[in-house]
C-alpha atoms as a PDB file:
ATOM      1  CA  MET A   1      55.983 128.856 154.958  1.00  0.00           C
ATOM      2  CA  LEU A   2      54.509 132.134 153.802  1.00  0.00           C
ATOM      3  CA  GLY A   3      57.852 133.101 152.262  1.00  0.00           C
ATOM      4  CA  GLU A   4      57.150 130.719 149.399  1.00  0.00           C
ATOM      5  CA  PHE A   5      54.281 133.061 148.457  1.00  0.00           C
ATOM      6  CA  GLY A   6      56.408 136.185 148.792  1.00  0.00           C
ATOM      7  CA  PHE A   7      55.096 137.243 152.201  1.00  0.00           C
ATOM      8  CA  GLN A   8      57.029 138.150 155.309  1.00  0.00           C
ATOM      9  CA  VAL A   9      55.551 137.588 158.765  1.00  0.00           C
ATOM     10  CA  ILE A  10      56.351 140.113 161.454  1.00  0.00           C
ATOM     11  CA  PRO A  11      55.415 139.039 164.993  1.00  0.00           C
ATOM     12  CA  PHE A  12      53.249 141.524 166.852  1.00  0.00           C
ATOM     13  CA  ASN A  13      53.058 141.322 170.628  1.00  0.00           C
ATOM     14  CA  ALA A  14      49.493 142.043 171.725  1.00  0.00           C
ATOM     15  CA  ARG A  15      47.160 140.528 174.291  1.00  0.00           C
ATOM     16  CA  LYS A  16      44.290 138.680 172.695  1.00  0.00           C
ATOM     17  CA  LEU A  17      41.134 137.162 174.039  1.00  0.00           C
ATOM     18  CA  GLU A  18      41.332 133.384 174.370  1.00  0.00           C
ATOM     19  CA  VAL A  19      37.877 131.903 174.825  1.00  0.00           C
ATOM     20  CA  GLN A  20      37.321 128.349 176.006  1.00  0.00           C
ATOM     21  CA  SER A  21      35.450 126.460 173.320  1.00  0.00           C
ATOM     22  CA  GLU A  22      35.131 122.988 171.819  1.00  0.00           C
ATOM     23  CA  SER A  23      35.814 124.655 168.446  1.00  0.00           C
ATOM     24  CA  LEU A  24      39.292 125.731 167.342  1.00  0.00           C
ATOM     25  CA  GLU A  25      37.601 127.951 164.756  1.00  0.00           C
ATOM     26  CA  GLU A  26      35.717 129.826 167.469  1.00  0.00           C
ATOM     27  CA  VAL A  27      38.870 130.236 169.568  1.00  0.00           C
ATOM     28  CA  ALA A  28      40.837 131.654 166.614  1.00  0.00           C
ATOM     29  CA  VAL A  29      38.028 133.914 165.338  1.00  0.00           C
ATOM     30  CA  LYS A  30      37.336 135.389 168.791  1.00  0.00           C
ATOM     31  CA  ALA A  31      41.067 136.035 169.249  1.00  0.00           C
ATOM     32  CA  ALA A  32      41.226 137.790 165.861  1.00  0.00           C
ATOM     33  CA  GLU A  33      38.113 139.848 166.655  1.00  0.00           C
ATOM     34  CA  SER A  34      39.684 140.955 169.929  1.00  0.00           C
ATOM     35  CA  LEU A  35      42.695 142.317 168.016  1.00  0.00           C
ATOM     36  CA  MET A  36      40.767 144.159 165.300  1.00  0.00           C
ATOM     37  CA  GLY A  37      41.455 147.887 165.468  1.00  0.00           C
ATOM     38  CA  ARG A  38      44.363 147.335 167.855  1.00  0.00           C
ATOM     39  CA  VAL A  39      46.937 145.825 165.491  1.00  0.00           C
ATOM     40  CA  PRO A  40      47.700 146.689 161.873  1.00  0.00           C
ATOM     41  CA  GLU A  41      46.008 144.632 159.164  1.00  0.00           C
ATOM     42  CA  PRO A  42      46.433 142.200 157.656  1.00  0.00           C
ATOM     43  CA  PHE A  43      47.175 139.936 160.605  1.00  0.00           C
ATOM     44  CA  PHE A  44      46.438 136.376 161.594  1.00  0.00           C
ATOM     45  CA  VAL A  45      46.154 134.293 164.726  1.00  0.00           C
ATOM     46  CA  GLU A  46      46.504 130.533 164.945  1.00  0.00           C
ATOM     47  CA  ASP A  47      45.159 127.922 167.313  1.00  0.00           C
ATOM     48  CA  SER A  48      45.792 124.217 167.215  1.00  0.00           C
ATOM     49  CA  GLY A  49      45.101 121.035 169.089  1.00  0.00           C
ATOM     50  CA  LEU A  50      45.745 117.319 169.293  1.00  0.00           C
ATOM     51  CA  PHE A  51      42.618 115.189 168.937  1.00  0.00           C
ATOM     52  CA  VAL A  52      42.942 111.568 170.120  1.00  0.00           C
ATOM     53  CA  GLU A  53      40.296 109.290 168.619  1.00  0.00           C
ATOM     54  CA  SER A  54      39.927 106.840 171.545  1.00  0.00           C
ATOM     55  CA  LEU A  55      39.644 109.748 174.011  1.00  0.00           C
ATOM     56  CA  ASN A  56      36.717 111.261 172.075  1.00  0.00           C
ATOM     57  CA  GLY A  57      38.916 114.014 170.677  1.00  0.00           C
ATOM     58  CA  PHE A  58      40.549 114.920 173.988  1.00  0.00           C
ATOM     59  CA  PRO A  59      42.568 117.069 174.567  1.00  0.00           C
ATOM     60  CA  GLY A  60      41.474 118.940 171.410  1.00  0.00           C
ATOM     61  CA  PRO A  61      41.259 122.693 171.922  1.00  0.00           C
ATOM     62  CA  TYR A  62      42.544 122.233 175.480  1.00  0.00           C
ATOM     63  CA  SER A  63      45.869 120.753 174.326  1.00  0.00           C
ATOM     64  CA  SER A  64      48.028 123.564 175.670  1.00  0.00           C
ATOM     65  CA  TYR A  65      46.460 123.313 179.125  1.00  0.00           C
ATOM     66  CA  VAL A  66      46.681 119.515 179.140  1.00  0.00           C
ATOM     67  CA  TYR A  67      50.322 119.655 178.076  1.00  0.00           C
ATOM     68  CA  ARG A  68      51.122 122.128 180.885  1.00  0.00           C
ATOM     69  CA  THR A  69      49.286 120.100 183.521  1.00  0.00           C
ATOM     70  CA  ILE A  70      49.768 116.381 182.768  1.00  0.00           C
ATOM     71  CA  GLY A  71      52.314 116.582 179.949  1.00  0.00           C
ATOM     72  CA  LEU A  72      53.475 113.813 177.680  1.00  0.00           C
ATOM     73  CA  LYS A  73      53.600 111.269 180.500  1.00  0.00           C
ATOM     74  CA  GLY A  74      50.006 112.001 181.453  1.00  0.00           C
ATOM     75  CA  LEU A  75      48.740 111.587 177.898  1.00  0.00           C
ATOM     76  CA  LEU A  76      50.672 108.347 177.487  1.00  0.00           C
ATOM     77  CA  LYS A  77      49.242 107.113 180.813  1.00  0.00           C
ATOM     78  CA  LEU A  78      45.697 107.787 179.548  1.00  0.00           C
ATOM     79  CA  LEU A  79      46.437 105.603 176.515  1.00  0.00           C
ATOM     80  CA  GLU A  80      48.330 102.913 178.425  1.00  0.00           C
ATOM     81  CA  ASP A  81      45.867 100.058 177.844  1.00  0.00           C
ATOM     82  CA  ILE A  82      44.277 101.379 174.658  1.00  0.00           C
ATOM     83  CA  ASP A  83      45.040  99.786 171.285  1.00  0.00           C
ATOM     84  CA  ASP A  84      43.439 102.495 169.145  1.00  0.00           C
ATOM     85  CA  ARG A  85      46.052 105.248 169.193  1.00  0.00           C
ATOM     86  CA  ARG A  86      44.789 107.176 166.166  1.00  0.00           C
ATOM     87  CA  ALA A  87      45.003 110.934 166.509  1.00  0.00           C
ATOM     88  CA  LYS A  88      45.155 114.082 164.458  1.00  0.00           C
ATOM     89  CA  PHE A  89      46.677 117.492 164.857  1.00  0.00           C
ATOM     90  CA  VAL A  90      44.443 120.337 163.666  1.00  0.00           C
ATOM     91  CA  ALA A  91      45.439 123.975 163.141  1.00  0.00           C
ATOM     92  CA  VAL A  92      43.125 126.886 162.421  1.00  0.00           C
ATOM     93  CA  VAL A  93      44.356 130.238 161.163  1.00  0.00           C
ATOM     94  CA  ALA A  94      42.059 133.257 161.377  1.00  0.00           C
ATOM     95  CA  LEU A  95      43.141 135.973 158.942  1.00  0.00           C
ATOM     96  CA  CYS A  96      41.917 139.533 159.407  1.00  0.00           C
ATOM     97  CA  TYR A  97      42.102 141.364 156.087  1.00  0.00           C
ATOM     98  CA  GLU A  98      40.185 144.554 155.272  1.00  0.00           C
ATOM     99  CA  HIS A  99      38.129 144.207 158.482  1.00  0.00           C
ATOM    100  CA  GLU A 100      36.924 140.721 157.583  1.00  0.00           C
ATOM    101  CA  ILE A 101      37.982 137.412 159.097  1.00  0.00           C
ATOM    102  CA  ARG A 102      38.579 134.349 156.974  1.00  0.00           C
ATOM    103  CA  VAL A 103      39.430 130.935 158.444  1.00  0.00           C
ATOM    104  CA  PHE A 104      41.895 128.346 157.088  1.00  0.00           C
ATOM    105  CA  ARG A 105      42.218 124.838 158.490  1.00  0.00           C
ATOM    106  CA  GLY A 106      44.935 122.195 158.270  1.00  0.00           C
ATOM    107  CA  GLU A 107      44.934 118.630 159.557  1.00  0.00           C
ATOM    108  CA  VAL A 108      47.397 115.777 159.723  1.00  0.00           C
ATOM    109  CA  GLY A 109      46.410 112.293 160.838  1.00  0.00           C
ATOM    110  CA  GLY A 110      48.637 109.860 162.638  1.00  0.00           C
ATOM    111  CA  VAL A 111      49.037 107.875 165.830  1.00  0.00           C
ATOM    112  CA  ILE A 112      50.288 108.415 169.364  1.00  0.00           C
ATOM    113  CA  SER A 113      53.545 106.537 169.950  1.00  0.00           C
ATOM    114  CA  GLU A 114      54.104 104.217 172.897  1.00  0.00           C
ATOM    115  CA  GLU A 115      56.775 106.537 174.313  1.00  0.00           C
ATOM    116  CA  ALA A 116      58.122 110.048 173.810  1.00  0.00           C
ATOM    117  CA  ARG A 117      60.803 110.189 171.122  1.00  0.00           C
ATOM    118  CA  GLY A 118      62.894 113.069 169.799  1.00  0.00           C
ATOM    119  CA  TYR A 119      63.877 116.519 170.955  1.00  0.00           C
ATOM    120  CA  GLY A 120      62.610 118.854 168.227  1.00  0.00           C
ATOM    121  CA  GLY A 121      59.352 120.739 167.999  1.00  0.00           C
ATOM    122  CA  PHE A 122      57.240 121.464 171.038  1.00  0.00           C
ATOM    123  CA  GLY A 123      54.180 120.301 172.939  1.00  0.00           C
ATOM    124  CA  PHE A 124      52.984 116.849 171.961  1.00  0.00           C
ATOM    125  CA  ASP A 125      55.421 116.544 169.011  1.00  0.00           C
ATOM    126  CA  PRO A 126      57.480 113.791 170.777  1.00  0.00           C
ATOM    127  CA  VAL A 127      54.470 111.420 170.842  1.00  0.00           C
ATOM    128  CA  PHE A 128      52.801 112.161 167.482  1.00  0.00           C
ATOM    129  CA  VAL A 129      53.743 110.020 164.478  1.00  0.00           C
ATOM    130  CA  PRO A 130      52.170 111.415 161.292  1.00  0.00           C
ATOM    131  CA  LYS A 131      50.586 108.960 158.842  1.00  0.00           C
ATOM    132  CA  GLY A 132      53.123 107.567 156.398  1.00  0.00           C
ATOM    133  CA  PHE A 133      56.069 108.069 158.754  1.00  0.00           C
ATOM    134  CA  ASN A 134      57.688 106.006 161.502  1.00  0.00           C
ATOM    135  CA  ARG A 135      59.164 109.012 163.301  1.00  0.00           C
ATOM    136  CA  THR A 136      57.498 111.498 165.613  1.00  0.00           C
ATOM    137  CA  PHE A 137      57.300 115.189 164.735  1.00  0.00           C
ATOM    138  CA  ALA A 138      60.032 115.731 167.362  1.00  0.00           C
ATOM    139  CA  GLU A 139      62.348 113.358 165.484  1.00  0.00           C
ATOM    140  CA  MET A 140      61.901 115.238 162.196  1.00  0.00           C
ATOM    141  CA  SER A 141      63.844 118.221 160.980  1.00  0.00           C
ATOM    142  CA  LEU A 142      61.920 121.481 160.846  1.00  0.00           C
ATOM    143  CA  ASN A 143      61.960 121.265 157.056  1.00  0.00           C
ATOM    144  CA  GLU A 144      60.463 117.742 157.096  1.00  0.00           C
ATOM    145  CA  LYS A 145      57.786 118.699 159.603  1.00  0.00           C
ATOM    146  CA  CYS A 146      56.845 121.813 157.616  1.00  0.00           C
ATOM    147  CA  LYS A 147      56.082 119.652 154.591  1.00  0.00           C
ATOM    148  CA  VAL A 148      53.332 117.697 156.372  1.00  0.00           C
ATOM    149  CA  SER A 149      52.223 119.514 159.521  1.00  0.00           C
ATOM    150  CA  HIS A 150      48.743 120.769 160.262  1.00  0.00           C
ATOM    151  CA  ARG A 151      50.046 124.305 160.826  1.00  0.00           C
ATOM    152  CA  ALA A 152      51.910 124.281 157.509  1.00  0.00           C
ATOM    153  CA  LYS A 153      48.754 123.177 155.681  1.00  0.00           C
ATOM    154  CA  ALA A 154      46.657 125.952 157.242  1.00  0.00           C
ATOM    155  CA  LEU A 155      49.322 128.594 156.590  1.00  0.00           C
ATOM    156  CA  ARG A 156      49.813 127.468 152.988  1.00  0.00           C
ATOM    157  CA  ALA A 157      46.061 127.688 152.401  1.00  0.00           C
ATOM    158  CA  MET A 158      46.145 131.247 153.739  1.00  0.00           C
ATOM    159  CA  GLY A 159      49.244 132.006 151.643  1.00  0.00           C
ATOM    160  CA  ARG A 160      47.494 130.822 148.458  1.00  0.00           C
ATOM    161  CA  TYR A 161      44.498 133.012 149.293  1.00  0.00           C
ATOM    162  CA  LEU A 162      46.631 136.098 149.936  1.00  0.00           C
ATOM    163  CA  ALA A 163      48.647 135.485 146.775  1.00  0.00           C
ATOM    164  CA  TYR A 164      45.394 135.250 144.805  1.00  0.00           C
ATOM    165  CA  LEU A 165      44.228 138.579 146.256  1.00  0.00           C
ATOM    166  CA  ARG A 166      47.583 140.183 145.506  1.00  0.00           C
ATOM    167  CA  ASP A 167      47.744 138.883 141.947  1.00  0.00           C
ATOM    168  CA  THR A 168      44.188 139.746 140.864  1.00  0.00           C
END
């Protein structure tokens, strides 16, 4: 996604602090702060979560833990007798550039399907149907998903910002 702005991303393997917080922004910023001075700049970290409306935003920033512990079946069980299946995926990117951290956010609304469908993607992708589609993220090609996903929106916002800095 950043290639469309002329940037190349090089993964850097470093341990980062992962705080427990109700705020994805706080999780991402604290992780970025923990890497400052230890990895070359510019760098970014990303955190994301699935927020289910009828579950008061659960699992939210705890999505990774919930996926590892109760998985897709557990989430579907929680929604078994619930009609309101609205949800959103949210991604937050914390960019560290010239010793400052800037945050970019992306969201995509949708619903939780009645059953897991598809084999692509990861995490809760097999149960999330983005608004305007009848397929889950896991049923989409990577190219299709990258056009609408929360992560793509956050990364494109960061890409536009970096391109602006580069071009001015």
